[in-house]
Amino acid sequence: MTYGYSQSLVAANKKANAKSLGVALGRFCVVRGIPATKVAEALGVSRTTVYNWFVGEFAPSPDHSEQIERFMARHKKHG
């Protein structure tokens, strides 16, 4: 399930560097069907920022990286 993610975003995510935390977050969300809006709200950023992380356009700041790690850990348990 891609939860409404466009095919182009999913393809860009797959091509991006998997070592990037933002890209890993994108793959995590696509696989689990977590909408970008939910990620953006949880992290206090815009959906555009989330999409940029998902495709490796920008890397999350250190503060956001910590929040992302917690977000992913929390959603691993529930999904």
C-alpha atoms as a PDB file:
ATOM      1  CA  MET A   1       0.000   0.000   0.000  1.00  0.00           C
ATOM      2  CA  THR A   2       1.390   3.394  -0.895  1.00  0.00           C
ATOM      3  CA  TYR A   3      -1.204   5.531   0.941  1.00  0.00           C
ATOM      4  CA  GLY A   4      -1.721   7.890  -1.923  1.00  0.00           C
ATOM      5  CA  TYR A   5       1.958   8.419  -2.643  1.00  0.00           C
ATOM      6  CA  SER A   6       2.493   9.114  -6.329  1.00  0.00           C
ATOM      7  CA  GLN A   7       4.361   6.597  -8.413  1.00  0.00           C
ATOM      8  CA  SER A   8       6.965   9.256  -9.164  1.00  0.00           C
ATOM      9  CA  LEU A   9       7.604   9.884  -5.450  1.00  0.00           C
ATOM     10  CA  VAL A  10       7.887   6.160  -4.756  1.00  0.00           C
ATOM     11  CA  ALA A  11      10.275   5.771  -7.716  1.00  0.00           C
ATOM     12  CA  ALA A  12      12.378   8.760  -6.578  1.00  0.00           C
ATOM     13  CA  ASN A  13      12.491   7.314  -3.069  1.00  0.00           C
ATOM     14  CA  LYS A  14      13.702   3.972  -4.396  1.00  0.00           C
ATOM     15  CA  LYS A  15      16.473   5.686  -6.394  1.00  0.00           C
ATOM     16  CA  ALA A  16      17.610   7.855  -3.468  1.00  0.00           C
ATOM     17  CA  ASN A  17      20.419   6.958  -1.068  1.00  0.00           C
ATOM     18  CA  ALA A  18      19.011   4.426   1.394  1.00  0.00           C
ATOM     19  CA  LYS A  19      21.562   5.532   4.005  1.00  0.00           C
ATOM     20  CA  SER A  20      19.789   8.880   4.349  1.00  0.00           C
ATOM     21  CA  LEU A  21      17.457   8.938   7.336  1.00  0.00           C
ATOM     22  CA  GLY A  22      14.898  10.948   5.386  1.00  0.00           C
ATOM     23  CA  VAL A  23      14.879   8.383   2.580  1.00  0.00           C
ATOM     24  CA  ALA A  24      14.613   5.566   5.118  1.00  0.00           C
ATOM     25  CA  LEU A  25      11.676   7.402   6.679  1.00  0.00           C
ATOM     26  CA  GLY A  26      10.036   7.585   3.256  1.00  0.00           C
ATOM     27  CA  ARG A  27      10.413   3.865   2.677  1.00  0.00           C
ATOM     28  CA  PHE A  28       9.141   3.177   6.182  1.00  0.00           C
ATOM     29  CA  CYS A  29       6.029   5.301   5.598  1.00  0.00           C
ATOM     30  CA  VAL A  30       5.273   3.893   2.145  1.00  0.00           C
ATOM     31  CA  VAL A  31       5.515   0.293   3.378  1.00  0.00           C
ATOM     32  CA  ARG A  32       3.401   0.955   6.472  1.00  0.00           C
ATOM     33  CA  GLY A  33       0.899   3.228   4.771  1.00  0.00           C
ATOM     34  CA  ILE A  34       1.682   6.205   6.988  1.00  0.00           C
ATOM     35  CA  PRO A  35       0.624   9.447   5.281  1.00  0.00           C
ATOM     36  CA  ALA A  36       3.126  12.278   4.892  1.00  0.00           C
ATOM     37  CA  THR A  37       0.626  14.590   6.569  1.00  0.00           C
ATOM     38  CA  LYS A  38       0.836  12.515   9.754  1.00  0.00           C
ATOM     39  CA  VAL A  39       4.638  12.621   9.642  1.00  0.00           C
ATOM     40  CA  ALA A  40       4.648  16.376   9.075  1.00  0.00           C
ATOM     41  CA  GLU A  41       2.273  17.010  11.975  1.00  0.00           C
ATOM     42  CA  ALA A  42       4.223  14.731  14.316  1.00  0.00           C
ATOM     43  CA  LEU A  43       7.537  16.417  13.482  1.00  0.00           C
ATOM     44  CA  GLY A  44       6.301  19.993  13.207  1.00  0.00           C
ATOM     45  CA  VAL A  45       7.344  20.475   9.588  1.00  0.00           C
ATOM     46  CA  SER A  46       5.536  20.944   6.282  1.00  0.00           C
ATOM     47  CA  ARG A  47       4.529  18.116   3.969  1.00  0.00           C
ATOM     48  CA  THR A  48       6.909  19.600   1.406  1.00  0.00           C
ATOM     49  CA  THR A  49       9.788  19.155   3.845  1.00  0.00           C
ATOM     50  CA  VAL A  50       8.756  15.547   4.446  1.00  0.00           C
ATOM     51  CA  TYR A  51       8.588  14.854   0.697  1.00  0.00           C
ATOM     52  CA  ASN A  52      12.027  16.455   0.240  1.00  0.00           C
ATOM     53  CA  TRP A  53      13.413  14.135   2.909  1.00  0.00           C
ATOM     54  CA  PHE A  54      11.685  11.128   1.313  1.00  0.00           C
ATOM     55  CA  VAL A  55      13.449  11.667  -2.029  1.00  0.00           C
ATOM     56  CA  GLY A  56      16.803  12.713  -0.565  1.00  0.00           C
ATOM     57  CA  GLU A  57      16.533  16.325  -1.719  1.00  0.00           C
ATOM     58  CA  PHE A  58      17.375  17.531   1.795  1.00  0.00           C
ATOM     59  CA  ALA A  59      18.549  15.807   4.955  1.00  0.00           C
ATOM     60  CA  PRO A  60      16.779  16.223   8.279  1.00  0.00           C
ATOM     61  CA  SER A  61      18.498  18.409  10.889  1.00  0.00           C
ATOM     62  CA  PRO A  62      20.014  16.669  13.914  1.00  0.00           C
ATOM     63  CA  ASP A  63      16.994  17.661  16.027  1.00  0.00           C
ATOM     64  CA  HIS A  64      14.594  16.302  13.434  1.00  0.00           C
ATOM     65  CA  SER A  65      16.718  13.166  13.094  1.00  0.00           C
ATOM     66  CA  GLU A  66      16.112  12.369  16.749  1.00  0.00           C
ATOM     67  CA  GLN A  67      12.381  12.978  16.307  1.00  0.00           C
ATOM     68  CA  ILE A  68      12.333  10.747  13.218  1.00  0.00           C
ATOM     69  CA  GLU A  69      14.056   7.922  15.083  1.00  0.00           C
ATOM     70  CA  ARG A  70      11.428   8.154  17.843  1.00  0.00           C
ATOM     71  CA  PHE A  71       8.581   8.359  15.306  1.00  0.00           C
ATOM     72  CA  MET A  72       9.809   5.247  13.503  1.00  0.00           C
ATOM     73  CA  ALA A  73      10.361   3.333  16.740  1.00  0.00           C
ATOM     74  CA  ARG A  74       6.859   4.205  17.914  1.00  0.00           C
ATOM     75  CA  HIS A  75       5.283   3.092  14.632  1.00  0.00           C
ATOM     76  CA  LYS A  76       7.285  -0.140  14.423  1.00  0.00           C
ATOM     77  CA  LYS A  77       5.518  -1.237  17.585  1.00  0.00           C
ATOM     78  CA  HIS A  78       2.072  -0.327  16.271  1.00  0.00           C
ATOM     79  CA  GLY A  79       2.219  -1.379  12.704  1.00  0.00           C
END
